[in-house]
Amino acid sequence: MDLADALRNAFPDHEPEETVASNEEKSFDFYVHTTPTLQCCYEKRKGKATTVIKSYQGTPADFKKLASAIKKKFNIGGGIKSDDIVIQGDYREVIMSFLKECGFTVKRVGG
């Protein structure tokens, strides 16, 4: 007798919920622009490593939502400065994979 049988015997009136398929489309709060390629750069600013995302074509509100989504996803600091998203630390690989999941085309620039 396995765990599923034991639970069915313990709770005979329980109806299991149907699971939602994991292949659903992901929806994001920001507009995914695919024509220009985003550039993911590594820079040193004031002696510290930073990841800079450039070339986003969209509204400023969507740009802020994208920066916020990246910072919340990876629990990192950063901000927006002169049409670039500046992230504290070298997070190029994980940010590039996240942006590709979102539907962006991303190019690694530098180092």
PDB file of N, CA and C in Angstrom:
ATOM      1  N   MET A   1       0.853  -1.170   0.000  1.00  0.00           N
ATOM      2  CA  MET A   1       0.000   0.000   0.000  1.00  0.00           C
ATOM      3  C   MET A   1       0.900   1.235   0.000  1.00  0.00           C
ATOM      4  N   ASP A   2       0.666   2.097  -0.969  1.00  0.00           N
ATOM      5  CA  ASP A   2       1.491   3.294  -1.040  1.00  0.00           C
ATOM      6  C   ASP A   2       0.767   4.478  -0.402  1.00  0.00           C
ATOM      7  N   LEU A   3       1.396   5.626  -0.453  1.00  0.00           N
ATOM      8  CA  LEU A   3       0.872   6.825   0.199  1.00  0.00           C
ATOM      9  C   LEU A   3      -0.461   7.264  -0.415  1.00  0.00           C
ATOM     10  N   ALA A   4      -0.595   7.172  -1.723  1.00  0.00           N
ATOM     11  CA  ALA A   4      -1.833   7.583  -2.382  1.00  0.00           C
ATOM     12  C   ALA A   4      -3.006   6.724  -1.924  1.00  0.00           C
ATOM     13  N   ASP A   5      -2.795   5.415  -1.811  1.00  0.00           N
ATOM     14  CA  ASP A   5      -3.855   4.526  -1.328  1.00  0.00           C
ATOM     15  C   ASP A   5      -4.202   4.830   0.126  1.00  0.00           C
ATOM     16  N   ALA A   6      -3.208   5.100   0.940  1.00  0.00           N
ATOM     17  CA  ALA A   6      -3.454   5.421   2.352  1.00  0.00           C
ATOM     18  C   ALA A   6      -4.266   6.699   2.481  1.00  0.00           C
ATOM     19  N   LEU A   7      -3.959   7.686   1.655  1.00  0.00           N
ATOM     20  CA  LEU A   7      -4.716   8.946   1.703  1.00  0.00           C
ATOM     21  C   LEU A   7      -6.151   8.754   1.220  1.00  0.00           C
ATOM     22  N   ARG A   8      -6.331   7.933   0.177  1.00  0.00           N
ATOM     23  CA  ARG A   8      -7.687   7.663  -0.301  1.00  0.00           C
ATOM     24  C   ARG A   8      -8.508   6.957   0.767  1.00  0.00           C
ATOM     25  N   ASN A   9      -7.898   6.031   1.507  1.00  0.00           N
ATOM     26  CA  ASN A   9      -8.602   5.332   2.580  1.00  0.00           C
ATOM     27  C   ASN A   9      -8.905   6.261   3.752  1.00  0.00           C
ATOM     28  N   ALA A  10      -7.986   7.184   4.043  1.00  0.00           N
ATOM     29  CA  ALA A  10      -8.186   8.095   5.173  1.00  0.00           C
ATOM     30  C   ALA A  10      -9.225   9.162   4.855  1.00  0.00           C
ATOM     31  N   PHE A  11      -9.286   9.609   3.610  1.00  0.00           N
ATOM     32  CA  PHE A  11     -10.218  10.658   3.202  1.00  0.00           C
ATOM     33  C   PHE A  11     -11.011  10.187   1.983  1.00  0.00           C
ATOM     34  N   PRO A  12     -12.020   9.356   2.175  1.00  0.00           N
ATOM     35  CA  PRO A  12     -12.744   8.797   1.021  1.00  0.00           C
ATOM     36  C   PRO A  12     -13.608   9.827   0.288  1.00  0.00           C
ATOM     37  N   ASP A  13     -14.014  10.904   0.953  1.00  0.00           N
ATOM     38  CA  ASP A  13     -14.883  11.894   0.309  1.00  0.00           C
ATOM     39  C   ASP A  13     -14.101  12.963  -0.456  1.00  0.00           C
ATOM     40  N   HIS A  14     -12.792  12.949  -0.354  1.00  0.00           N
ATOM     41  CA  HIS A  14     -11.968  13.986  -0.982  1.00  0.00           C
ATOM     42  C   HIS A  14     -11.884  13.780  -2.493  1.00  0.00           C
ATOM     43  N   GLU A  15     -12.144  14.849  -3.240  1.00  0.00           N
ATOM     44  CA  GLU A  15     -12.021  14.838  -4.699  1.00  0.00           C
ATOM     45  C   GLU A  15     -10.736  15.575  -5.057  1.00  0.00           C
ATOM     46  N   PRO A  16      -9.758  14.938  -5.676  1.00  0.00           N
ATOM     47  CA  PRO A  16      -8.516  15.643  -6.030  1.00  0.00           C
ATOM     48  C   PRO A  16      -8.767  16.695  -7.106  1.00  0.00           C
ATOM     49  N   GLU A  17      -8.065  17.835  -6.960  1.00  0.00           N
ATOM     50  CA  GLU A  17      -8.193  18.917  -7.936  1.00  0.00           C
ATOM     51  C   GLU A  17      -7.419  18.552  -9.194  1.00  0.00           C
ATOM     52  N   GLU A  18      -7.912  19.045 -10.317  1.00  0.00           N
ATOM     53  CA  GLU A  18      -7.213  18.809 -11.567  1.00  0.00           C
ATOM     54  C   GLU A  18      -6.008  19.730 -11.630  1.00  0.00           C
ATOM     55  N   THR A  19      -4.882  19.187 -12.045  1.00  0.00           N
ATOM     56  CA  THR A  19      -3.676  20.004 -12.135  1.00  0.00           C
ATOM     57  C   THR A  19      -3.697  20.811 -13.422  1.00  0.00           C
ATOM     58  N   VAL A  20      -3.143  22.001 -13.336  1.00  0.00           N
ATOM     59  CA  VAL A  20      -3.066  22.880 -14.488  1.00  0.00           C
ATOM     60  C   VAL A  20      -1.836  22.495 -15.293  1.00  0.00           C
ATOM     61  N   ALA A  21      -1.982  22.477 -16.598  1.00  0.00           N
ATOM     62  CA  ALA A  21      -0.860  22.107 -17.464  1.00  0.00           C
ATOM     63  C   ALA A  21       0.265  23.122 -17.323  1.00  0.00           C
ATOM     64  N   SER A  22       1.494  22.650 -17.274  1.00  0.00           N
ATOM     65  CA  SER A  22       2.639  23.545 -17.093  1.00  0.00           C
ATOM     66  C   SER A  22       3.101  24.162 -18.410  1.00  0.00           C
ATOM     67  N   ASN A  23       2.452  23.831 -19.513  1.00  0.00           N
ATOM     68  CA  ASN A  23       2.845  24.354 -20.816  1.00  0.00           C
ATOM     69  C   ASN A  23       2.113  25.635 -21.175  1.00  0.00           C
ATOM     70  N   GLU A  24       1.548  26.321 -20.190  1.00  0.00           N
ATOM     71  CA  GLU A  24       0.811  27.538 -20.471  1.00  0.00           C
ATOM     72  C   GLU A  24       1.767  28.646 -20.886  1.00  0.00           C
ATOM     73  N   GLU A  25       1.256  29.602 -21.683  1.00  0.00           N
ATOM     74  CA  GLU A  25       2.034  30.762 -22.078  1.00  0.00           C
ATOM     75  C   GLU A  25       2.306  31.614 -20.860  1.00  0.00           C
ATOM     76  N   LYS A  26       3.518  32.114 -20.751  1.00  0.00           N
ATOM     77  CA  LYS A  26       3.851  33.028 -19.672  1.00  0.00           C
ATOM     78  C   LYS A  26       3.462  34.429 -20.107  1.00  0.00           C
ATOM     79  N   SER A  27       2.859  35.172 -19.193  1.00  0.00           N
ATOM     80  CA  SER A  27       2.510  36.544 -19.526  1.00  0.00           C
ATOM     81  C   SER A  27       3.363  37.473 -18.673  1.00  0.00           C
ATOM     82  N   PHE A  28       3.827  38.535 -19.289  1.00  0.00           N
ATOM     83  CA  PHE A  28       4.687  39.492 -18.614  1.00  0.00           C
ATOM     84  C   PHE A  28       4.008  40.848 -18.620  1.00  0.00           C
ATOM     85  N   ASP A  29       4.395  41.700 -17.675  1.00  0.00           N
ATOM     86  CA  ASP A  29       3.809  43.024 -17.570  1.00  0.00           C
ATOM     87  C   ASP A  29       4.416  44.002 -18.555  1.00  0.00           C
ATOM     88  N   PHE A  30       5.481  43.629 -19.213  1.00  0.00           N
ATOM     89  CA  PHE A  30       6.171  44.532 -20.113  1.00  0.00           C
ATOM     90  C   PHE A  30       6.064  44.011 -21.536  1.00  0.00           C
ATOM     91  N   TYR A  31       6.227  44.929 -22.488  1.00  0.00           N
ATOM     92  CA  TYR A  31       6.132  44.585 -23.903  1.00  0.00           C
ATOM     93  C   TYR A  31       7.444  43.972 -24.375  1.00  0.00           C
ATOM     94  N   VAL A  32       7.369  42.846 -25.033  1.00  0.00           N
ATOM     95  CA  VAL A  32       8.553  42.165 -25.541  1.00  0.00           C
ATOM     96  C   VAL A  32       8.797  42.621 -26.968  1.00  0.00           C
ATOM     97  N   HIS A  33       9.863  43.361 -27.168  1.00  0.00           N
ATOM     98  CA  HIS A  33      10.252  43.868 -28.475  1.00  0.00           C
ATOM     99  C   HIS A  33      11.316  42.953 -29.032  1.00  0.00           C
ATOM    100  N   THR A  34      11.109  42.383 -30.190  1.00  0.00           N
ATOM    101  CA  THR A  34      12.079  41.414 -30.715  1.00  0.00           C
ATOM    102  C   THR A  34      12.934  41.961 -31.845  1.00  0.00           C
ATOM    103  N   THR A  35      12.578  43.107 -32.423  1.00  0.00           N
ATOM    104  CA  THR A  35      13.358  43.580 -33.567  1.00  0.00           C
ATOM    105  C   THR A  35      14.776  43.999 -33.204  1.00  0.00           C
ATOM    106  N   PRO A  36      15.010  44.951 -32.292  1.00  0.00           N
ATOM    107  CA  PRO A  36      16.411  45.219 -31.966  1.00  0.00           C
ATOM    108  C   PRO A  36      16.904  44.225 -30.917  1.00  0.00           C
ATOM    109  N   THR A  37      18.130  43.822 -31.054  1.00  0.00           N
ATOM    110  CA  THR A  37      18.714  42.885 -30.112  1.00  0.00           C
ATOM    111  C   THR A  37      19.158  43.635 -28.871  1.00  0.00           C
ATOM    112  N   LEU A  38      18.796  43.113 -27.693  1.00  0.00           N
ATOM    113  CA  LEU A  38      19.272  43.699 -26.447  1.00  0.00           C
ATOM    114  C   LEU A  38      20.732  43.354 -26.270  1.00  0.00           C
ATOM    115  N   GLN A  39      21.495  44.279 -25.736  1.00  0.00           N
ATOM    116  CA  GLN A  39      22.903  44.050 -25.494  1.00  0.00           C
ATOM    117  C   GLN A  39      23.119  43.909 -23.996  1.00  0.00           C
ATOM    118  N   CYS A  40      23.762  42.845 -23.594  1.00  0.00           N
ATOM    119  CA  CYS A  40      24.072  42.597 -22.196  1.00  0.00           C
ATOM    120  C   CYS A  40      25.579  42.768 -22.026  1.00  0.00           C
ATOM    121  N   CYS A  41      25.984  43.841 -21.347  1.00  0.00           N
ATOM    122  CA  CYS A  41      27.391  44.208 -21.237  1.00  0.00           C
ATOM    123  C   CYS A  41      27.891  44.070 -19.802  1.00  0.00           C
ATOM    124  N   TYR A  42      29.177  43.874 -19.685  1.00  0.00           N
ATOM    125  CA  TYR A  42      29.855  43.875 -18.390  1.00  0.00           C
ATOM    126  C   TYR A  42      30.720  45.125 -18.342  1.00  0.00           C
ATOM    127  N   GLU A  43      30.558  45.912 -17.282  1.00  0.00           N
ATOM    128  CA  GLU A  43      31.361  47.115 -17.108  1.00  0.00           C
ATOM    129  C   GLU A  43      31.822  47.207 -15.669  1.00  0.00           C
ATOM    130  N   LYS A  44      32.877  47.971 -15.472  1.00  0.00           N
ATOM    131  CA  LYS A  44      33.308  48.305 -14.122  1.00  0.00           C
ATOM    132  C   LYS A  44      33.000  49.774 -13.910  1.00  0.00           C
ATOM    133  N   ARG A  45      32.218  50.062 -12.896  1.00  0.00           N
ATOM    134  CA  ARG A  45      31.882  51.443 -12.550  1.00  0.00           C
ATOM    135  C   ARG A  45      32.325  51.687 -11.121  1.00  0.00           C
ATOM    136  N   LYS A  46      33.193  52.663 -10.966  1.00  0.00           N
ATOM    137  CA  LYS A  46      33.770  52.996  -9.652  1.00  0.00           C
ATOM    138  C   LYS A  46      34.421  51.767  -9.016  1.00  0.00           C
ATOM    139  N   GLY A  47      35.064  50.945  -9.832  1.00  0.00           N
ATOM    140  CA  GLY A  47      35.783  49.783  -9.338  1.00  0.00           C
ATOM    141  C   GLY A  47      34.924  48.568  -9.048  1.00  0.00           C
ATOM    142  N   LYS A  48      33.615  48.648  -9.300  1.00  0.00           N
ATOM    143  CA  LYS A  48      32.726  47.524  -9.000  1.00  0.00           C
ATOM    144  C   LYS A  48      32.132  46.969 -10.293  1.00  0.00           C
ATOM    145  N   ALA A  49      31.886  45.676 -10.289  1.00  0.00           N
ATOM    146  CA  ALA A  49      31.327  45.012 -11.469  1.00  0.00           C
ATOM    147  C   ALA A  49      29.851  45.357 -11.623  1.00  0.00           C
ATOM    148  N   THR A  50      29.446  45.659 -12.846  1.00  0.00           N
ATOM    149  CA  THR A  50      28.037  45.926 -13.141  1.00  0.00           C
ATOM    150  C   THR A  50      27.662  45.237 -14.447  1.00  0.00           C
ATOM    151  N   THR A  51      26.396  44.880 -14.550  1.00  0.00           N
ATOM    152  CA  THR A  51      25.832  44.342 -15.776  1.00  0.00           C
ATOM    153  C   THR A  51      24.916  45.416 -16.345  1.00  0.00           C
ATOM    154  N   VAL A  52      25.102  45.761 -17.607  1.00  0.00           N
ATOM    155  CA  VAL A  52      24.330  46.826 -18.238  1.00  0.00           C
ATOM    156  C   VAL A  52      23.554  46.236 -19.407  1.00  0.00           C
ATOM    157  N   ILE A  53      22.255  46.518 -19.446  1.00  0.00           N
ATOM    158  CA  ILE A  53      21.397  46.061 -20.543  1.00  0.00           C
ATOM    159  C   ILE A  53      21.029  47.277 -21.364  1.00  0.00           C
ATOM    160  N   LYS A  54      21.356  47.229 -22.655  1.00  0.00           N
ATOM    161  CA  LYS A  54      21.162  48.374 -23.548  1.00  0.00           C
ATOM    162  C   LYS A  54      20.247  47.999 -24.705  1.00  0.00           C
ATOM    163  N   SER A  55      19.803  49.006 -25.430  1.00  0.00           N
ATOM    164  CA  SER A  55      19.061  48.889 -26.692  1.00  0.00           C
ATOM    165  C   SER A  55      17.630  48.421 -26.535  1.00  0.00           C
ATOM    166  N   TYR A  56      16.961  48.725 -25.434  1.00  0.00           N
ATOM    167  CA  TYR A  56      15.549  48.363 -25.298  1.00  0.00           C
ATOM    168  C   TYR A  56      14.711  49.386 -26.044  1.00  0.00           C
ATOM    169  N   GLN A  57      13.832  48.915 -26.903  1.00  0.00           N
ATOM    170  CA  GLN A  57      12.940  49.782 -27.664  1.00  0.00           C
ATOM    171  C   GLN A  57      11.521  49.583 -27.150  1.00  0.00           C
ATOM    172  N   GLY A  58      11.032  50.515 -26.425  1.00  0.00           N
ATOM    173  CA  GLY A  58       9.691  50.413 -25.872  1.00  0.00           C
ATOM    174  C   GLY A  58       9.377  51.651 -25.058  1.00  0.00           C
ATOM    175  N   THR A  59       8.241  51.644 -24.421  1.00  0.00           N
ATOM    176  CA  THR A  59       7.844  52.798 -23.623  1.00  0.00           C
ATOM    177  C   THR A  59       8.656  52.841 -22.330  1.00  0.00           C
ATOM    178  N   PRO A  60       8.817  54.014 -21.749  1.00  0.00           N
ATOM    179  CA  PRO A  60       9.548  54.106 -20.482  1.00  0.00           C
ATOM    180  C   PRO A  60       8.889  53.303 -19.358  1.00  0.00           C
ATOM    181  N   ALA A  61       7.563  53.201 -19.374  1.00  0.00           N
ATOM    182  CA  ALA A  61       6.875  52.421 -18.343  1.00  0.00           C
ATOM    183  C   ALA A  61       7.229  50.938 -18.458  1.00  0.00           C
ATOM    184  N   ASP A  62       7.262  50.414 -19.682  1.00  0.00           N
ATOM    185  CA  ASP A  62       7.645  49.013 -19.894  1.00  0.00           C
ATOM    186  C   ASP A  62       9.111  48.787 -19.541  1.00  0.00           C
ATOM    187  N   PHE A  63       9.942  49.787 -19.820  1.00  0.00           N
ATOM    188  CA  PHE A  63      11.362  49.712 -19.490  1.00  0.00           C
ATOM    189  C   PHE A  63      11.542  49.582 -17.978  1.00  0.00           C
ATOM    190  N   LYS A  64      10.782  50.353 -17.213  1.00  0.00           N
ATOM    191  CA  LYS A  64      10.852  50.283 -15.752  1.00  0.00           C
ATOM    192  C   LYS A  64      10.329  48.944 -15.245  1.00  0.00           C
ATOM    193  N   LYS A  65       9.282  48.422 -15.876  1.00  0.00           N
ATOM    194  CA  LYS A  65       8.729  47.125 -15.465  1.00  0.00           C
ATOM    195  C   LYS A  65       9.722  46.005 -15.742  1.00  0.00           C
ATOM    196  N   LEU A  66      10.431  46.086 -16.870  1.00  0.00           N
ATOM    197  CA  LEU A  66      11.444  45.082 -17.183  1.00  0.00           C
ATOM    198  C   LEU A  66      12.568  45.122 -16.158  1.00  0.00           C
ATOM    199  N   ALA A  67      13.043  46.320 -15.824  1.00  0.00           N
ATOM    200  CA  ALA A  67      14.110  46.449 -14.824  1.00  0.00           C
ATOM    201  C   ALA A  67      13.638  45.914 -13.476  1.00  0.00           C
ATOM    202  N   SER A  68      12.425  46.209 -13.113  1.00  0.00           N
ATOM    203  CA  SER A  68      11.871  45.735 -11.848  1.00  0.00           C
ATOM    204  C   SER A  68      11.739  44.215 -11.844  1.00  0.00           C
ATOM    205  N   ALA A  69      11.307  43.641 -12.952  1.00  0.00           N
ATOM    206  CA  ALA A  69      11.159  42.185 -13.041  1.00  0.00           C
ATOM    207  C   ALA A  69      12.505  41.485 -12.897  1.00  0.00           C
ATOM    208  N   ILE A  70      13.545  42.046 -13.509  1.00  0.00           N
ATOM    209  CA  ILE A  70      14.883  41.451 -13.404  1.00  0.00           C
ATOM    210  C   ILE A  70      15.373  41.526 -11.962  1.00  0.00           C
ATOM    211  N   LYS A  71      15.200  42.682 -11.335  1.00  0.00           N
ATOM    212  CA  LYS A  71      15.693  42.850  -9.967  1.00  0.00           C
ATOM    213  C   LYS A  71      14.944  41.950  -8.987  1.00  0.00           C
ATOM    214  N   LYS A  72      13.637  41.801  -9.173  1.00  0.00           N
ATOM    215  CA  LYS A  72      12.858  40.943  -8.277  1.00  0.00           C
ATOM    216  C   LYS A  72      13.159  39.473  -8.499  1.00  0.00           C
ATOM    217  N   LYS A  73      13.351  39.087  -9.745  1.00  0.00           N
ATOM    218  CA  LYS A  73      13.602  37.680 -10.067  1.00  0.00           C
ATOM    219  C   LYS A  73      14.876  37.171  -9.405  1.00  0.00           C
ATOM    220  N   PHE A  74      15.934  37.991  -9.413  1.00  0.00           N
ATOM    221  CA  PHE A  74      17.226  37.545  -8.920  1.00  0.00           C
ATOM    222  C   PHE A  74      17.619  38.184  -7.588  1.00  0.00           C
ATOM    223  N   ASN A  75      16.740  38.981  -6.993  1.00  0.00           N
ATOM    224  CA  ASN A  75      17.008  39.636  -5.709  1.00  0.00           C
ATOM    225  C   ASN A  75      18.326  40.405  -5.729  1.00  0.00           C
ATOM    226  N   ILE A  76      18.447  41.282  -6.714  1.00  0.00           N
ATOM    227  CA  ILE A  76      19.669  42.069  -6.866  1.00  0.00           C
ATOM    228  C   ILE A  76      19.305  43.533  -6.968  1.00  0.00           C
ATOM    229  N   GLY A  77      20.270  44.388  -6.737  1.00  0.00           N
ATOM    230  CA  GLY A  77      20.054  45.826  -6.820  1.00  0.00           C
ATOM    231  C   GLY A  77      20.397  46.349  -8.192  1.00  0.00           C
ATOM    232  N   GLY A  78      19.896  47.511  -8.471  1.00  0.00           N
ATOM    233  CA  GLY A  78      20.186  48.138  -9.747  1.00  0.00           C
ATOM    234  C   GLY A  78      19.231  49.274  -9.994  1.00  0.00           C
ATOM    235  N   GLY A  79      19.269  49.815 -11.191  1.00  0.00           N
ATOM    236  CA  GLY A  79      18.398  50.916 -11.528  1.00  0.00           C
ATOM    237  C   GLY A  79      18.485  51.248 -13.000  1.00  0.00           C
ATOM    238  N   ILE A  80      17.857  52.362 -13.351  1.00  0.00           N
ATOM    239  CA  ILE A  80      17.839  52.816 -14.733  1.00  0.00           C
ATOM    240  C   ILE A  80      18.660  54.092 -14.813  1.00  0.00           C
ATOM    241  N   LYS A  81      19.571  54.146 -15.754  1.00  0.00           N
ATOM    242  CA  LYS A  81      20.397  55.329 -15.922  1.00  0.00           C
ATOM    243  C   LYS A  81      20.633  55.558 -17.407  1.00  0.00           C
ATOM    244  N   SER A  82      20.203  56.671 -17.900  1.00  0.00           N
ATOM    245  CA  SER A  82      20.373  57.096 -19.298  1.00  0.00           C
ATOM    246  C   SER A  82      20.020  55.991 -20.295  1.00  0.00           C
ATOM    247  N   ASP A  83      18.790  55.523 -20.231  1.00  0.00           N
ATOM    248  CA  ASP A  83      18.248  54.511 -21.150  1.00  0.00           C
ATOM    249  C   ASP A  83      18.962  53.159 -21.083  1.00  0.00           C
ATOM    250  N   ASP A  84      19.576  52.853 -19.975  1.00  0.00           N
ATOM    251  CA  ASP A  84      20.208  51.563 -19.741  1.00  0.00           C
ATOM    252  C   ASP A  84      19.714  51.014 -18.413  1.00  0.00           C
ATOM    253  N   ILE A  85      19.640  49.697 -18.314  1.00  0.00           N
ATOM    254  CA  ILE A  85      19.364  49.060 -17.030  1.00  0.00           C
ATOM    255  C   ILE A  85      20.714  48.657 -16.449  1.00  0.00           C
ATOM    256  N   VAL A  86      21.032  49.191 -15.288  1.00  0.00           N
ATOM    257  CA  VAL A  86      22.312  48.926 -14.639  1.00  0.00           C
ATOM    258  C   VAL A  86      22.051  48.031 -13.433  1.00  0.00           C
ATOM    259  N   ILE A  87      22.674  46.846 -13.433  1.00  0.00           N
ATOM    260  CA  ILE A  87      22.497  45.866 -12.367  1.00  0.00           C
ATOM    261  C   ILE A  87      23.821  45.733 -11.619  1.00  0.00           C
ATOM    262  N   GLN A  88      23.747  45.709 -10.295  1.00  0.00           N
ATOM    263  CA  GLN A  88      24.953  45.578  -9.481  1.00  0.00           C
ATOM    264  C   GLN A  88      25.453  44.141  -9.528  1.00  0.00           C
ATOM    265  N   GLY A  89      26.694  43.963  -9.961  1.00  0.00           N
ATOM    266  CA  GLY A  89      27.296  42.642 -10.019  1.00  0.00           C
ATOM    267  C   GLY A  89      27.309  42.077 -11.429  1.00  0.00           C
ATOM    268  N   ASP A  90      28.030  40.980 -11.587  1.00  0.00           N
ATOM    269  CA  ASP A  90      28.149  40.325 -12.887  1.00  0.00           C
ATOM    270  C   ASP A  90      27.120  39.193 -12.969  1.00  0.00           C
ATOM    271  N   TYR A  91      25.957  39.489 -13.529  1.00  0.00           N
ATOM    272  CA  TYR A  91      24.871  38.523 -13.645  1.00  0.00           C
ATOM    273  C   TYR A  91      24.492  38.305 -15.109  1.00  0.00           C
ATOM    274  N   ARG A  92      25.447  38.401 -16.008  1.00  0.00           N
ATOM    275  CA  ARG A  92      25.136  38.326 -17.439  1.00  0.00           C
ATOM    276  C   ARG A  92      24.448  37.034 -17.829  1.00  0.00           C
ATOM    277  N   GLU A  93      24.956  35.910 -17.377  1.00  0.00           N
ATOM    278  CA  GLU A  93      24.420  34.614 -17.812  1.00  0.00           C
ATOM    279  C   GLU A  93      22.972  34.427 -17.373  1.00  0.00           C
ATOM    280  N   VAL A  94      22.672  34.682 -16.113  1.00  0.00           N
ATOM    281  CA  VAL A  94      21.311  34.447 -15.622  1.00  0.00           C
ATOM    282  C   VAL A  94      20.334  35.466 -16.193  1.00  0.00           C
ATOM    283  N   ILE A  95      20.789  36.706 -16.376  1.00  0.00           N
ATOM    284  CA  ILE A  95      19.908  37.730 -16.954  1.00  0.00           C
ATOM    285  C   ILE A  95      19.632  37.422 -18.423  1.00  0.00           C
ATOM    286  N   MET A  96      20.658  36.978 -19.148  1.00  0.00           N
ATOM    287  CA  MET A  96      20.456  36.636 -20.553  1.00  0.00           C
ATOM    288  C   MET A  96      19.493  35.464 -20.705  1.00  0.00           C
ATOM    289  N   SER A  97      19.594  34.470 -19.846  1.00  0.00           N
ATOM    290  CA  SER A  97      18.671  33.335 -19.935  1.00  0.00           C
ATOM    291  C   SER A  97      17.252  33.764 -19.590  1.00  0.00           C
ATOM    292  N   PHE A  98      17.090  34.661 -18.609  1.00  0.00           N
ATOM    293  CA  PHE A  98      15.759  35.171 -18.261  1.00  0.00           C
ATOM    294  C   PHE A  98      15.164  35.965 -19.415  1.00  0.00           C
ATOM    295  N   LEU A  99      15.961  36.816 -20.052  1.00  0.00           N
ATOM    296  CA  LEU A  99      15.461  37.619 -21.167  1.00  0.00           C
ATOM    297  C   LEU A  99      15.102  36.738 -22.360  1.00  0.00           C
ATOM    298  N   LYS A 100      15.853  35.662 -22.576  1.00  0.00           N
ATOM    299  CA  LYS A 100      15.514  34.739 -23.667  1.00  0.00           C
ATOM    300  C   LYS A 100      14.213  34.010 -23.373  1.00  0.00           C
ATOM    301  N   GLU A 101      13.973  33.665 -22.096  1.00  0.00           N
ATOM    302  CA  GLU A 101      12.701  33.045 -21.714  1.00  0.00           C
ATOM    303  C   GLU A 101      11.534  33.998 -21.963  1.00  0.00           C
ATOM    304  N   CYS A 102      11.787  35.295 -21.779  1.00  0.00           N
ATOM    305  CA  CYS A 102      10.744  36.296 -21.991  1.00  0.00           C
ATOM    306  C   CYS A 102      10.449  36.500 -23.477  1.00  0.00           C
ATOM    307  N   GLY A 103      11.383  36.140 -24.338  1.00  0.00           N
ATOM    308  CA  GLY A 103      11.151  36.277 -25.764  1.00  0.00           C
ATOM    309  C   GLY A 103      12.039  37.309 -26.447  1.00  0.00           C
ATOM    310  N   PHE A 104      12.964  37.898 -25.720  1.00  0.00           N
ATOM    311  CA  PHE A 104      13.889  38.871 -26.293  1.00  0.00           C
ATOM    312  C   PHE A 104      15.016  38.142 -27.016  1.00  0.00           C
ATOM    313  N   THR A 105      15.626  38.838 -27.971  1.00  0.00           N
ATOM    314  CA  THR A 105      16.871  38.338 -28.540  1.00  0.00           C
ATOM    315  C   THR A 105      17.994  39.117 -27.839  1.00  0.00           C
ATOM    316  N   VAL A 106      18.953  38.390 -27.313  1.00  0.00           N
ATOM    317  CA  VAL A 106      19.988  38.997 -26.472  1.00  0.00           C
ATOM    318  C   VAL A 106      21.358  38.667 -27.042  1.00  0.00           C
ATOM    319  N   LYS A 107      22.243  39.672 -26.993  1.00  0.00           N
ATOM    320  CA  LYS A 107      23.594  39.499 -27.477  1.00  0.00           C
ATOM    321  C   LYS A 107      24.559  39.872 -26.354  1.00  0.00           C
ATOM    322  N   ARG A 108      25.547  39.019 -26.117  1.00  0.00           N
ATOM    323  CA  ARG A 108      26.543  39.287 -25.085  1.00  0.00           C
ATOM    324  C   ARG A 108      27.621  40.170 -25.690  1.00  0.00           C
ATOM    325  N   VAL A 109      27.892  41.298 -25.042  1.00  0.00           N
ATOM    326  CA  VAL A 109      28.863  42.261 -25.544  1.00  0.00           C
ATOM    327  C   VAL A 109      29.973  42.419 -24.510  1.00  0.00           C
ATOM    328  N   GLY A 110      31.206  42.346 -24.962  1.00  0.00           N
ATOM    329  CA  GLY A 110      32.346  42.544 -24.067  1.00  0.00           C
ATOM    330  C   GLY A 110      32.661  41.315 -23.249  1.00  0.00           C
ATOM    331  N   GLY A 111      33.863  41.300 -22.691  1.00  0.00           N
ATOM    332  CA  GLY A 111      34.386  40.282 -21.807  1.00  0.00           C
ATOM    333  C   GLY A 111      33.756  38.995 -21.859  1.00  0.00           C
TER     334      GLY A 111
END
